[in-house]
C-alpha cells in the first residue's frame, strides 16, 4: 500500500491537539507495519477509506 500526505493534510495535522497527533502517529506506525491490523478498523466509506485514530477520531484516504 502506498501512502503520502498532501500539504492540506499537514496543515490539518498541525492543527490537532498534541494528544490527537500522538494517536495519529501511533496509528501511522501501525499502518506501515501491518496495514490490515484489526486495531485500525479500516472501512470503505464511499470512495474513501477510513481508519481509526482514536475513540473519537478517524482519518480518511483515497
PDB file of N, CA and C in Angstrom:
ATOM      1  N   UNK A   1       0.847  -1.164   0.000  1.00  0.00           N
ATOM      2  CA  UNK A   1       0.000   0.000   0.000  1.00  0.00           C
ATOM      3  C   UNK A   1       0.900   1.237   0.000  1.00  0.00           C
ATOM      4  N   UNK A   2       0.610   2.166  -0.871  1.00  0.00           N
ATOM      5  CA  UNK A   2       1.354   3.419  -0.945  1.00  0.00           C
ATOM      6  C   UNK A   2       0.550   4.512  -0.261  1.00  0.00           C
ATOM      7  N   UNK A   3       1.215   5.306   0.535  1.00  0.00           N
ATOM      8  CA  UNK A   3       0.525   6.426   1.158  1.00  0.00           C
ATOM      9  C   UNK A   3       1.438   7.640   1.174  1.00  0.00           C
ATOM     10  N   UNK A   4       0.824   8.786   1.025  1.00  0.00           N
ATOM     11  CA  UNK A   4       1.545  10.056   1.101  1.00  0.00           C
ATOM     12  C   UNK A   4       0.563  11.126   1.563  1.00  0.00           C
ATOM     13  N   UNK A   5       1.081  12.184   2.080  1.00  0.00           N
ATOM     14  CA  UNK A   5       0.243  13.244   2.635  1.00  0.00           C
ATOM     15  C   UNK A   5       0.344  14.501   1.773  1.00  0.00           C
ATOM     16  N   UNK A   6      -0.769  15.183   1.643  1.00  0.00           N
ATOM     17  CA  UNK A   6      -0.819  16.438   0.900  1.00  0.00           C
ATOM     18  C   UNK A   6      -0.460  17.597   1.835  1.00  0.00           C
ATOM     19  N   UNK A   7      -0.137  18.757   1.276  1.00  0.00           N
ATOM     20  CA  UNK A   7       0.102  19.930   2.129  1.00  0.00           C
ATOM     21  C   UNK A   7      -1.111  20.243   3.023  1.00  0.00           C
ATOM     22  N   UNK A   8      -2.307  20.048   2.502  1.00  0.00           N
ATOM     23  CA  UNK A   8      -3.510  20.295   3.310  1.00  0.00           C
ATOM     24  C   UNK A   8      -3.562  19.340   4.507  1.00  0.00           C
ATOM     25  N   UNK A   9      -3.175  18.091   4.279  1.00  0.00           N
ATOM     26  CA  UNK A   9      -3.135  17.138   5.387  1.00  0.00           C
ATOM     27  C   UNK A   9      -2.234  17.665   6.495  1.00  0.00           C
ATOM     28  N   UNK A  10      -1.038  18.135   6.135  1.00  0.00           N
ATOM     29  CA  UNK A  10      -0.094  18.600   7.149  1.00  0.00           C
ATOM     30  C   UNK A  10      -0.618  19.826   7.882  1.00  0.00           C
ATOM     31  N   UNK A  11      -1.323  20.710   7.187  1.00  0.00           N
ATOM     32  CA  UNK A  11      -1.929  21.859   7.876  1.00  0.00           C
ATOM     33  C   UNK A  11      -2.948  21.382   8.902  1.00  0.00           C
ATOM     34  N   UNK A  12      -3.783  20.436   8.510  1.00  0.00           N
ATOM     35  CA  UNK A  12      -4.790  19.888   9.428  1.00  0.00           C
ATOM     36  C   UNK A  12      -4.127  19.124  10.567  1.00  0.00           C
ATOM     37  N   UNK A  13      -3.103  18.375  10.257  1.00  0.00           N
ATOM     38  CA  UNK A  13      -2.378  17.606  11.275  1.00  0.00           C
ATOM     39  C   UNK A  13      -1.800  18.538  12.339  1.00  0.00           C
ATOM     40  N   UNK A  14      -1.175  19.629  11.896  1.00  0.00           N
ATOM     41  CA  UNK A  14      -0.579  20.569  12.852  1.00  0.00           C
ATOM     42  C   UNK A  14      -1.637  21.259  13.709  1.00  0.00           C
ATOM     43  N   UNK A  15      -2.875  21.324  13.237  1.00  0.00           N
ATOM     44  CA  UNK A  15      -3.958  21.954  13.997  1.00  0.00           C
ATOM     45  C   UNK A  15      -4.537  21.023  15.068  1.00  0.00           C
ATOM     46  N   UNK A  16      -4.193  19.740  15.017  1.00  0.00           N
ATOM     47  CA  UNK A  16      -4.690  18.788  16.011  1.00  0.00           C
ATOM     48  C   UNK A  16      -4.043  19.040  17.367  1.00  0.00           C
ATOM     49  N   UNK A  17      -4.716  18.600  18.409  1.00  0.00           N
ATOM     50  CA  UNK A  17      -4.116  18.679  19.747  1.00  0.00           C
ATOM     51  C   UNK A  17      -2.915  17.732  19.797  1.00  0.00           C
ATOM     52  N   UNK A  18      -2.021  17.975  20.732  1.00  0.00           N
ATOM     53  CA  UNK A  18      -0.834  17.122  20.875  1.00  0.00           C
ATOM     54  C   UNK A  18      -1.242  15.675  21.133  1.00  0.00           C
ATOM     55  N   UNK A  19      -2.279  15.478  21.923  1.00  0.00           N
ATOM     56  CA  UNK A  19      -2.747  14.122  22.234  1.00  0.00           C
ATOM     57  C   UNK A  19      -3.243  13.407  20.975  1.00  0.00           C
ATOM     58  N   UNK A  20      -4.004  14.110  20.147  1.00  0.00           N
ATOM     59  CA  UNK A  20      -4.528  13.504  18.920  1.00  0.00           C
ATOM     60  C   UNK A  20      -3.408  13.247  17.925  1.00  0.00           C
ATOM     61  N   UNK A  21      -2.436  14.161  17.837  1.00  0.00           N
ATOM     62  CA  UNK A  21      -1.281  13.929  16.952  1.00  0.00           C
ATOM     63  C   UNK A  21      -0.526  12.682  17.380  1.00  0.00           C
ATOM     64  N   UNK A  22      -0.381  12.478  18.676  1.00  0.00           N
ATOM     65  CA  UNK A  22       0.314  11.295  19.175  1.00  0.00           C
ATOM     66  C   UNK A  22      -0.448  10.029  18.787  1.00  0.00           C
ATOM     67  N   UNK A  23      -1.771  10.053  18.907  1.00  0.00           N
ATOM     68  CA  UNK A  23      -2.585   8.906  18.490  1.00  0.00           C
ATOM     69  C   UNK A  23      -2.434   8.660  16.989  1.00  0.00           C
ATOM     70  N   UNK A  24      -2.435   9.741  16.207  1.00  0.00           N
ATOM     71  CA  UNK A  24      -2.289   9.617  14.754  1.00  0.00           C
ATOM     72  C   UNK A  24      -0.927   9.030  14.398  1.00  0.00           C
ATOM     73  N   UNK A  25       0.105   9.460  15.095  1.00  0.00           N
ATOM     74  CA  UNK A  25       1.453   8.935  14.839  1.00  0.00           C
ATOM     75  C   UNK A  25       1.517   7.437  15.120  1.00  0.00           C
ATOM     76  N   UNK A  26       0.908   7.015  16.216  1.00  0.00           N
ATOM     77  CA  UNK A  26       0.893   5.579  16.546  1.00  0.00           C
ATOM     78  C   UNK A  26       0.128   4.785  15.489  1.00  0.00           C
ATOM     79  N   UNK A  27      -1.006   5.331  15.053  1.00  0.00           N
ATOM     80  CA  UNK A  27      -1.795   4.639  14.034  1.00  0.00           C
ATOM     81  C   UNK A  27      -1.004   4.534  12.732  1.00  0.00           C
ATOM     82  N   UNK A  28      -0.263   5.588  12.379  1.00  0.00           N
ATOM     83  CA  UNK A  28       0.532   5.555  11.155  1.00  0.00           C
ATOM     84  C   UNK A  28       1.641   4.506  11.250  1.00  0.00           C
ATOM     85  N   UNK A  29       2.273   4.411  12.407  1.00  0.00           N
ATOM     86  CA  UNK A  29       3.308   3.385  12.593  1.00  0.00           C
ATOM     87  C   UNK A  29       2.717   1.990  12.421  1.00  0.00           C
ATOM     88  N   UNK A  30       1.536   1.793  12.963  1.00  0.00           N
ATOM     89  CA  UNK A  30       0.862   0.504  12.818  1.00  0.00           C
ATOM     90  C   UNK A  30       0.489   0.262  11.356  1.00  0.00           C
ATOM     91  N   UNK A  31       0.034   1.305  10.677  1.00  0.00           N
ATOM     92  CA  UNK A  31      -0.318   1.203   9.259  1.00  0.00           C
ATOM     93  C   UNK A  31       0.892   0.774   8.434  1.00  0.00           C
ATOM     94  N   UNK A  32       2.041   1.362   8.694  1.00  0.00           N
ATOM     95  CA  UNK A  32       3.252   0.991   7.954  1.00  0.00           C
ATOM     96  C   UNK A  32       3.684  -0.436   8.252  1.00  0.00           C
ATOM     97  N   UNK A  33       3.539  -0.853   9.502  1.00  0.00           N
ATOM     98  CA  UNK A  33       3.972  -2.193   9.899  1.00  0.00           C
ATOM     99  C   UNK A  33       3.015  -3.271   9.409  1.00  0.00           C
ATOM    100  N   UNK A  34       1.730  -2.991   9.503  1.00  0.00           N
ATOM    101  CA  UNK A  34       0.730  -4.009   9.153  1.00  0.00           C
ATOM    102  C   UNK A  34      -0.587  -3.313   8.830  1.00  0.00           C
ATOM    103  N   UNK A  35      -0.783  -2.947   7.570  1.00  0.00           N
ATOM    104  CA  UNK A  35      -1.930  -2.125   7.194  1.00  0.00           C
ATOM    105  C   UNK A  35      -3.271  -2.771   7.517  1.00  0.00           C
ATOM    106  N   UNK A  36      -3.323  -4.090   7.606  1.00  0.00           N
ATOM    107  CA  UNK A  36      -4.595  -4.767   7.882  1.00  0.00           C
ATOM    108  C   UNK A  36      -4.800  -5.041   9.375  1.00  0.00           C
ATOM    109  N   UNK A  37      -4.040  -4.386  10.228  1.00  0.00           N
ATOM    110  CA  UNK A  37      -4.165  -4.610  11.675  1.00  0.00           C
ATOM    111  C   UNK A  37      -5.590  -4.307  12.137  1.00  0.00           C
ATOM    112  N   UNK A  38      -6.202  -5.212  12.880  1.00  0.00           N
ATOM    113  CA  UNK A  38      -7.581  -5.012  13.336  1.00  0.00           C
ATOM    114  C   UNK A  38      -7.778  -3.731  14.152  1.00  0.00           C
ATOM    115  N   UNK A  39      -6.760  -3.285  14.850  1.00  0.00           N
ATOM    116  CA  UNK A  39      -6.892  -2.073  15.666  1.00  0.00           C
ATOM    117  C   UNK A  39      -7.179  -0.823  14.840  1.00  0.00           C
ATOM    118  N   UNK A  40      -6.830  -0.847  13.555  1.00  0.00           N
ATOM    119  CA  UNK A  40      -7.054   0.319  12.702  1.00  0.00           C
ATOM    120  C   UNK A  40      -8.509   0.444  12.249  1.00  0.00           C
ATOM    121  N   UNK A  41      -9.247  -0.637  12.281  1.00  0.00           N
ATOM    122  CA  UNK A  41     -10.664  -0.624  11.876  1.00  0.00           C
ATOM    123  C   UNK A  41     -10.845   0.033  10.502  1.00  0.00           C
ATOM    124  N   UNK A  42     -10.081  -0.433   9.511  1.00  0.00           N
ATOM    125  CA  UNK A  42     -10.233   0.066   8.144  1.00  0.00           C
ATOM    126  C   UNK A  42     -11.641  -0.217   7.650  1.00  0.00           C
ATOM    127  N   UNK A  43     -12.248   0.778   7.009  1.00  0.00           N
ATOM    128  CA  UNK A  43     -13.536   0.521   6.370  1.00  0.00           C
ATOM    129  C   UNK A  43     -13.713   1.458   5.186  1.00  0.00           C
ATOM    130  N   UNK A  44     -14.432   0.968   4.201  1.00  0.00           N
ATOM    131  CA  UNK A  44     -14.715   1.730   2.987  1.00  0.00           C
ATOM    132  C   UNK A  44     -15.897   2.650   3.262  1.00  0.00           C
ATOM    133  N   UNK A  45     -15.742   3.939   2.933  1.00  0.00           N
ATOM    134  CA  UNK A  45     -16.806   4.928   3.099  1.00  0.00           C
ATOM    135  C   UNK A  45     -16.930   5.660   1.766  1.00  0.00           C
ATOM    136  N   UNK A  46     -17.848   5.208   0.923  1.00  0.00           N
ATOM    137  CA  UNK A  46     -17.953   5.785  -0.416  1.00  0.00           C
ATOM    138  C   UNK A  46     -16.679   5.519  -1.187  1.00  0.00           C
ATOM    139  N   UNK A  47     -16.061   6.584  -1.709  1.00  0.00           N
ATOM    140  CA  UNK A  47     -14.800   6.408  -2.451  1.00  0.00           C
ATOM    141  C   UNK A  47     -13.578   6.531  -1.552  1.00  0.00           C
ATOM    142  N   UNK A  48     -13.792   6.744  -0.266  1.00  0.00           N
ATOM    143  CA  UNK A  48     -12.709   6.916   0.700  1.00  0.00           C
ATOM    144  C   UNK A  48     -12.508   5.666   1.542  1.00  0.00           C
ATOM    145  N   UNK A  49     -11.368   5.616   2.206  1.00  0.00           N
ATOM    146  CA  UNK A  49     -11.095   4.619   3.233  1.00  0.00           C
ATOM    147  C   UNK A  49     -10.972   5.366   4.546  1.00  0.00           C
ATOM    148  N   UNK A  50     -11.527   4.801   5.580  1.00  0.00           N
ATOM    149  CA  UNK A  50     -11.487   5.389   6.907  1.00  0.00           C
ATOM    150  C   UNK A  50     -10.675   4.484   7.824  1.00  0.00           C
ATOM    151  N   UNK A  51      -9.859   5.084   8.672  1.00  0.00           N
ATOM    152  CA  UNK A  51      -9.052   4.331   9.631  1.00  0.00           C
ATOM    153  C   UNK A  51      -9.195   5.001  10.996  1.00  0.00           C
ATOM    154  N   UNK A  52      -9.307   4.190  12.026  1.00  0.00           N
ATOM    155  CA  UNK A  52      -9.478   4.726  13.379  1.00  0.00           C
ATOM    156  C   UNK A  52      -8.157   5.270  13.902  1.00  0.00           C
ATOM    157  N   UNK A  53      -8.217   6.489  14.428  1.00  0.00           N
ATOM    158  CA  UNK A  53      -7.063   7.126  15.048  1.00  0.00           C
ATOM    159  C   UNK A  53      -7.191   7.050  16.563  1.00  0.00           C
ATOM    160  N   UNK A  54      -8.376   7.187  17.043  1.00  0.00           N
ATOM    161  CA  UNK A  54      -8.659   7.122  18.474  1.00  0.00           C
ATOM    162  C   UNK A  54     -10.141   6.879  18.648  1.00  0.00           C
ATOM    163  N   UNK A  55     -10.612   6.981  19.865  1.00  0.00           N
ATOM    164  CA  UNK A  55     -12.016   6.721  20.141  1.00  0.00           C
ATOM    165  C   UNK A  55     -12.929   7.679  19.381  1.00  0.00           C
ATOM    166  N   UNK A  56     -12.507   8.941  19.232  1.00  0.00           N
ATOM    167  CA  UNK A  56     -13.359   9.948  18.600  1.00  0.00           C
ATOM    168  C   UNK A  56     -12.772  10.528  17.316  1.00  0.00           C
ATOM    169  N   UNK A  57     -11.725   9.927  16.771  1.00  0.00           N
ATOM    170  CA  UNK A  57     -11.083  10.461  15.564  1.00  0.00           C
ATOM    171  C   UNK A  57     -10.859   9.366  14.535  1.00  0.00           C
ATOM    172  N   UNK A  58     -11.041   9.746  13.276  1.00  0.00           N
ATOM    173  CA  UNK A  58     -10.748   8.858  12.159  1.00  0.00           C
ATOM    174  C   UNK A  58     -10.010   9.680  11.112  1.00  0.00           C
ATOM    175  N   UNK A  59      -9.224   9.003  10.298  1.00  0.00           N
ATOM    176  CA  UNK A  59      -8.549   9.642   9.172  1.00  0.00           C
ATOM    177  C   UNK A  59      -9.152   9.067   7.902  1.00  0.00           C
ATOM    178  N   UNK A  60      -9.238   9.894   6.868  1.00  0.00           N
ATOM    179  CA  UNK A  60      -9.779   9.454   5.584  1.00  0.00           C
ATOM    180  C   UNK A  60      -8.685   9.465   4.532  1.00  0.00           C
ATOM    181  N   UNK A  61      -8.803   8.542   3.589  1.00  0.00           N
ATOM    182  CA  UNK A  61      -7.833   8.453   2.496  1.00  0.00           C
ATOM    183  C   UNK A  61      -8.549   8.054   1.220  1.00  0.00           C
ATOM    184  N   UNK A  62      -7.945   8.380   0.102  1.00  0.00           N
ATOM    185  CA  UNK A  62      -8.472   7.947  -1.200  1.00  0.00           C
ATOM    186  C   UNK A  62      -7.956   6.581  -1.515  1.00  0.00           C
TER     187      UNK A  62
END
